[in-house]
């Protein structure tokens, strides 16, 4: 039984899990936003109004293409970075050891990526299902759209990371 308690204690002290628990405890607004986004992507919220299709089959200039997914990815990347920044400002003071790291915001963001990664994976699965089963799009085009979505997210995150590398240093600088 003590071995089980030791393993459970190690798991509960895992920093990304601590961040999730603290989000649930302190940041009800941001958790509510994540619940809304998860509900939209799974078509549990707003399906009668077509809201999930803003994420699952976005249009740009009347056409669903890789460009529309690239734009959507860029916007989602912006939301991810806004989430990380908000969380860092609200939750960062609870973890005083962060200031001892070089690039504390970057390391915090990596550990704070539980919700964004889950959202991205759920979004990709639901995009595939909608595009393949409802829109009857071929797998090659679906892969291109998912790659464009991913590139949009990565582009925004890279722009943000390069900006914060120049502005967020460690305590000694």
C-alpha atoms as a PDB file:
ATOM      1  CA  UNK A   1       0.000   0.000   0.000  1.00  0.00           C
ATOM      2  CA  UNK A   2       2.851   2.426   0.705  1.00  0.00           C
ATOM      3  CA  UNK A   3       4.250   1.878  -2.796  1.00  0.00           C
ATOM      4  CA  UNK A   4       0.868   2.924  -4.226  1.00  0.00           C
ATOM      5  CA  UNK A   5       0.860   6.062  -2.039  1.00  0.00           C
ATOM      6  CA  UNK A   6       4.371   6.952  -3.186  1.00  0.00           C
ATOM      7  CA  UNK A   7       3.409   6.601  -6.853  1.00  0.00           C
ATOM      8  CA  UNK A   8       0.192   8.582  -6.310  1.00  0.00           C
ATOM      9  CA  UNK A   9       2.165  11.290  -4.511  1.00  0.00           C
ATOM     10  CA  UNK A  10       4.667  11.514  -7.384  1.00  0.00           C
ATOM     11  CA  UNK A  11       1.847  11.764  -9.929  1.00  0.00           C
ATOM     12  CA  UNK A  12       0.033  14.439  -7.920  1.00  0.00           C
ATOM     13  CA  UNK A  13       3.213  16.524  -7.691  1.00  0.00           C
ATOM     14  CA  UNK A  14       3.703  16.424 -11.472  1.00  0.00           C
ATOM     15  CA  UNK A  15       3.901  20.107 -12.471  1.00  0.00           C
ATOM     16  CA  UNK A  16       1.491  20.000 -15.469  1.00  0.00           C
ATOM     17  CA  UNK A  17      -1.075  18.239 -13.298  1.00  0.00           C
ATOM     18  CA  UNK A  18      -0.561  20.817 -10.537  1.00  0.00           C
ATOM     19  CA  UNK A  19      -1.258  23.545 -13.096  1.00  0.00           C
ATOM     20  CA  UNK A  20      -4.500  21.849 -14.175  1.00  0.00           C
ATOM     21  CA  UNK A  21      -5.628  21.541 -10.541  1.00  0.00           C
ATOM     22  CA  UNK A  22      -4.794  25.180  -9.884  1.00  0.00           C
ATOM     23  CA  UNK A  23      -6.675  26.239 -13.047  1.00  0.00           C
ATOM     24  CA  UNK A  24      -9.717  24.349 -11.781  1.00  0.00           C
ATOM     25  CA  UNK A  25      -9.367  25.994  -8.375  1.00  0.00           C
ATOM     26  CA  UNK A  26      -8.548  29.606  -9.305  1.00  0.00           C
ATOM     27  CA  UNK A  27      -9.432  30.290 -12.936  1.00  0.00           C
ATOM     28  CA  UNK A  28     -13.069  29.382 -13.387  1.00  0.00           C
ATOM     29  CA  UNK A  29     -13.465  31.795 -16.285  1.00  0.00           C
ATOM     30  CA  UNK A  30     -10.710  30.241 -18.391  1.00  0.00           C
ATOM     31  CA  UNK A  31     -11.886  26.714 -17.542  1.00  0.00           C
ATOM     32  CA  UNK A  32     -15.374  27.735 -18.670  1.00  0.00           C
ATOM     33  CA  UNK A  33     -13.899  28.974 -21.970  1.00  0.00           C
ATOM     34  CA  UNK A  34     -12.161  25.635 -22.480  1.00  0.00           C
ATOM     35  CA  UNK A  35     -15.416  23.791 -21.735  1.00  0.00           C
ATOM     36  CA  UNK A  36     -17.199  25.938 -24.331  1.00  0.00           C
ATOM     37  CA  UNK A  37     -14.490  25.285 -26.932  1.00  0.00           C
ATOM     38  CA  UNK A  38     -14.484  21.551 -26.214  1.00  0.00           C
ATOM     39  CA  UNK A  39     -18.282  21.587 -26.484  1.00  0.00           C
ATOM     40  CA  UNK A  40     -18.161  23.433 -29.807  1.00  0.00           C
ATOM     41  CA  UNK A  41     -15.624  21.065 -31.323  1.00  0.00           C
ATOM     42  CA  UNK A  42     -17.529  17.961 -30.208  1.00  0.00           C
ATOM     43  CA  UNK A  43     -20.770  19.488 -31.506  1.00  0.00           C
ATOM     44  CA  UNK A  44     -22.289  19.419 -28.010  1.00  0.00           C
ATOM     45  CA  UNK A  45     -22.801  23.195 -27.925  1.00  0.00           C
ATOM     46  CA  UNK A  46     -24.309  25.327 -30.668  1.00  0.00           C
ATOM     47  CA  UNK A  47     -24.992  22.508 -33.114  1.00  0.00           C
ATOM     48  CA  UNK A  48     -28.460  23.883 -33.916  1.00  0.00           C
ATOM     49  CA  UNK A  49     -26.873  27.148 -35.034  1.00  0.00           C
ATOM     50  CA  UNK A  50     -23.960  25.593 -36.924  1.00  0.00           C
ATOM     51  CA  UNK A  51     -21.342  26.999 -34.552  1.00  0.00           C
ATOM     52  CA  UNK A  52     -19.160  23.851 -34.550  1.00  0.00           C
ATOM     53  CA  UNK A  53     -18.628  24.224 -38.292  1.00  0.00           C
ATOM     54  CA  UNK A  54     -16.722  27.458 -37.644  1.00  0.00           C
ATOM     55  CA  UNK A  55     -13.994  25.144 -36.331  1.00  0.00           C
ATOM     56  CA  UNK A  56     -14.670  21.939 -38.224  1.00  0.00           C
ATOM     57  CA  UNK A  57     -15.271  23.287 -41.720  1.00  0.00           C
ATOM     58  CA  UNK A  58     -14.188  26.934 -41.857  1.00  0.00           C
ATOM     59  CA  UNK A  59     -14.776  28.995 -44.964  1.00  0.00           C
ATOM     60  CA  UNK A  60     -12.604  31.718 -46.402  1.00  0.00           C
ATOM     61  CA  UNK A  61     -14.025  33.675 -49.312  1.00  0.00           C
ATOM     62  CA  UNK A  62     -16.769  31.085 -49.799  1.00  0.00           C
ATOM     63  CA  UNK A  63     -14.409  28.106 -49.982  1.00  0.00           C
ATOM     64  CA  UNK A  64     -13.250  25.504 -47.470  1.00  0.00           C
ATOM     65  CA  UNK A  65      -9.569  24.964 -48.225  1.00  0.00           C
ATOM     66  CA  UNK A  66      -6.172  24.742 -46.640  1.00  0.00           C
ATOM     67  CA  UNK A  67      -6.074  28.560 -46.511  1.00  0.00           C
ATOM     68  CA  UNK A  68      -9.140  28.695 -44.285  1.00  0.00           C
ATOM     69  CA  UNK A  69      -7.573  26.108 -41.976  1.00  0.00           C
ATOM     70  CA  UNK A  70      -4.310  28.071 -41.916  1.00  0.00           C
ATOM     71  CA  UNK A  71      -6.193  31.189 -40.802  1.00  0.00           C
ATOM     72  CA  UNK A  72      -8.129  29.167 -38.226  1.00  0.00           C
ATOM     73  CA  UNK A  73      -4.865  27.688 -36.943  1.00  0.00           C
ATOM     74  CA  UNK A  74      -3.323  31.146 -36.641  1.00  0.00           C
ATOM     75  CA  UNK A  75      -6.326  32.296 -34.586  1.00  0.00           C
ATOM     76  CA  UNK A  76      -6.222  29.192 -32.393  1.00  0.00           C
ATOM     77  CA  UNK A  77      -2.489  29.745 -31.866  1.00  0.00           C
ATOM     78  CA  UNK A  78      -3.357  33.249 -30.680  1.00  0.00           C
ATOM     79  CA  UNK A  79      -5.847  31.832 -28.210  1.00  0.00           C
ATOM     80  CA  UNK A  80      -3.298  29.297 -26.966  1.00  0.00           C
ATOM     81  CA  UNK A  81      -0.715  32.006 -26.343  1.00  0.00           C
ATOM     82  CA  UNK A  82      -3.280  34.299 -24.695  1.00  0.00           C
ATOM     83  CA  UNK A  83      -4.212  31.372 -22.445  1.00  0.00           C
ATOM     84  CA  UNK A  84      -0.568  30.800 -21.521  1.00  0.00           C
ATOM     85  CA  UNK A  85       0.002  34.489 -20.825  1.00  0.00           C
ATOM     86  CA  UNK A  86      -3.143  34.773 -18.710  1.00  0.00           C
ATOM     87  CA  UNK A  87      -2.235  31.624 -16.792  1.00  0.00           C
ATOM     88  CA  UNK A  88       1.322  32.831 -16.241  1.00  0.00           C
ATOM     89  CA  UNK A  89       0.101  36.119 -14.807  1.00  0.00           C
ATOM     90  CA  UNK A  90      -2.565  34.518 -12.596  1.00  0.00           C
ATOM     91  CA  UNK A  91      -0.864  31.253 -11.570  1.00  0.00           C
ATOM     92  CA  UNK A  92       2.825  32.129 -11.872  1.00  0.00           C
ATOM     93  CA  UNK A  93       3.095  33.710  -8.407  1.00  0.00           C
ATOM     94  CA  UNK A  94       1.927  30.395  -6.891  1.00  0.00           C
ATOM     95  CA  UNK A  95       5.102  28.753  -8.185  1.00  0.00           C
ATOM     96  CA  UNK A  96       7.948  30.947  -6.947  1.00  0.00           C
ATOM     97  CA  UNK A  97      10.588  28.552  -8.245  1.00  0.00           C
ATOM     98  CA  UNK A  98       9.783  29.650 -11.812  1.00  0.00           C
ATOM     99  CA  UNK A  99      11.840  32.818 -11.443  1.00  0.00           C
ATOM    100  CA  UNK A 100      14.978  30.740 -10.953  1.00  0.00           C
ATOM    101  CA  UNK A 101      14.719  29.291 -14.469  1.00  0.00           C
ATOM    102  CA  UNK A 102      16.012  30.867 -17.614  1.00  0.00           C
ATOM    103  CA  UNK A 103      13.059  31.606 -19.898  1.00  0.00           C
ATOM    104  CA  UNK A 104      10.419  31.017 -17.177  1.00  0.00           C
ATOM    105  CA  UNK A 105       7.446  31.900 -19.396  1.00  0.00           C
ATOM    106  CA  UNK A 106       8.529  29.424 -22.063  1.00  0.00           C
ATOM    107  CA  UNK A 107       8.952  26.602 -19.543  1.00  0.00           C
ATOM    108  CA  UNK A 108       5.677  27.503 -17.847  1.00  0.00           C
ATOM    109  CA  UNK A 109       3.883  27.446 -21.204  1.00  0.00           C
ATOM    110  CA  UNK A 110       5.199  23.995 -22.064  1.00  0.00           C
ATOM    111  CA  UNK A 111       3.967  22.636 -18.742  1.00  0.00           C
ATOM    112  CA  UNK A 112       0.673  24.525 -19.070  1.00  0.00           C
ATOM    113  CA  UNK A 113      -0.190  22.941 -22.417  1.00  0.00           C
ATOM    114  CA  UNK A 114      -2.535  20.215 -21.173  1.00  0.00           C
ATOM    115  CA  UNK A 115      -5.740  21.946 -22.279  1.00  0.00           C
ATOM    116  CA  UNK A 116      -4.327  23.219 -25.606  1.00  0.00           C
ATOM    117  CA  UNK A 117      -2.952  19.787 -26.565  1.00  0.00           C
ATOM    118  CA  UNK A 118      -6.213  18.056 -25.669  1.00  0.00           C
ATOM    119  CA  UNK A 119      -8.154  20.674 -27.623  1.00  0.00           C
ATOM    120  CA  UNK A 120      -5.884  20.319 -30.656  1.00  0.00           C
ATOM    121  CA  UNK A 121      -6.178  16.508 -30.666  1.00  0.00           C
ATOM    122  CA  UNK A 122      -9.949  16.642 -30.251  1.00  0.00           C
ATOM    123  CA  UNK A 123     -10.185  19.247 -33.006  1.00  0.00           C
ATOM    124  CA  UNK A 124      -8.132  17.156 -35.437  1.00  0.00           C
ATOM    125  CA  UNK A 125     -10.211  14.036 -34.780  1.00  0.00           C
ATOM    126  CA  UNK A 126     -13.470  15.934 -35.253  1.00  0.00           C
ATOM    127  CA  UNK A 127     -12.212  17.722 -38.378  1.00  0.00           C
ATOM    128  CA  UNK A 128     -11.367  14.354 -39.875  1.00  0.00           C
ATOM    129  CA  UNK A 129     -14.774  12.910 -39.001  1.00  0.00           C
ATOM    130  CA  UNK A 130     -16.735  15.877 -40.364  1.00  0.00           C
ATOM    131  CA  UNK A 131     -14.658  16.281 -43.519  1.00  0.00           C
ATOM    132  CA  UNK A 132     -14.589  12.556 -44.268  1.00  0.00           C
ATOM    133  CA  UNK A 133     -18.123  11.523 -43.261  1.00  0.00           C
ATOM    134  CA  UNK A 134     -20.215  14.651 -43.883  1.00  0.00           C
ATOM    135  CA  UNK A 135     -18.309  16.616 -46.510  1.00  0.00           C
ATOM    136  CA  UNK A 136     -17.041  13.467 -48.308  1.00  0.00           C
ATOM    137  CA  UNK A 137     -13.556  14.917 -48.753  1.00  0.00           C
ATOM    138  CA  UNK A 138     -10.642  12.650 -49.661  1.00  0.00           C
ATOM    139  CA  UNK A 139      -8.032  11.730 -47.089  1.00  0.00           C
ATOM    140  CA  UNK A 140      -5.249  13.566 -48.947  1.00  0.00           C
ATOM    141  CA  UNK A 141      -7.097  16.861 -48.807  1.00  0.00           C
ATOM    142  CA  UNK A 142      -8.044  16.307 -45.166  1.00  0.00           C
ATOM    143  CA  UNK A 143      -4.378  15.744 -44.292  1.00  0.00           C
ATOM    144  CA  UNK A 144      -3.467  18.952 -46.154  1.00  0.00           C
ATOM    145  CA  UNK A 145      -6.125  20.865 -44.203  1.00  0.00           C
ATOM    146  CA  UNK A 146      -4.918  19.454 -40.866  1.00  0.00           C
ATOM    147  CA  UNK A 147      -1.319  20.305 -41.775  1.00  0.00           C
ATOM    148  CA  UNK A 148      -2.389  23.871 -42.625  1.00  0.00           C
ATOM    149  CA  UNK A 149      -4.217  24.122 -39.290  1.00  0.00           C
ATOM    150  CA  UNK A 150      -1.101  22.882 -37.503  1.00  0.00           C
ATOM    151  CA  UNK A 151       1.151  25.270 -39.425  1.00  0.00           C
ATOM    152  CA  UNK A 152      -1.108  28.199 -38.497  1.00  0.00           C
ATOM    153  CA  UNK A 153      -0.922  27.288 -34.811  1.00  0.00           C
ATOM    154  CA  UNK A 154       2.847  26.779 -34.942  1.00  0.00           C
ATOM    155  CA  UNK A 155       3.376  30.056 -36.836  1.00  0.00           C
ATOM    156  CA  UNK A 156       1.590  32.130 -34.219  1.00  0.00           C
ATOM    157  CA  UNK A 157       3.291  30.314 -31.352  1.00  0.00           C
ATOM    158  CA  UNK A 158       6.737  30.789 -32.926  1.00  0.00           C
ATOM    159  CA  UNK A 159       6.125  34.504 -33.441  1.00  0.00           C
ATOM    160  CA  UNK A 160       5.065  34.792 -29.800  1.00  0.00           C
ATOM    161  CA  UNK A 161       7.943  32.688 -28.479  1.00  0.00           C
ATOM    162  CA  UNK A 162      10.520  34.747 -30.357  1.00  0.00           C
ATOM    163  CA  UNK A 163       8.969  37.907 -28.976  1.00  0.00           C
ATOM    164  CA  UNK A 164       8.967  36.606 -25.406  1.00  0.00           C
ATOM    165  CA  UNK A 165      12.538  35.288 -25.706  1.00  0.00           C
ATOM    166  CA  UNK A 166      13.653  38.893 -26.052  1.00  0.00           C
ATOM    167  CA  UNK A 167      11.475  40.266 -23.254  1.00  0.00           C
ATOM    168  CA  UNK A 168      11.227  37.493 -20.618  1.00  0.00           C
ATOM    169  CA  UNK A 169      14.591  36.706 -19.066  1.00  0.00           C
ATOM    170  CA  UNK A 170      15.627  35.113 -15.812  1.00  0.00           C
ATOM    171  CA  UNK A 171      15.935  36.852 -12.442  1.00  0.00           C
ATOM    172  CA  UNK A 172      19.622  37.653 -12.889  1.00  0.00           C
ATOM    173  CA  UNK A 173      19.140  39.595 -16.132  1.00  0.00           C
END
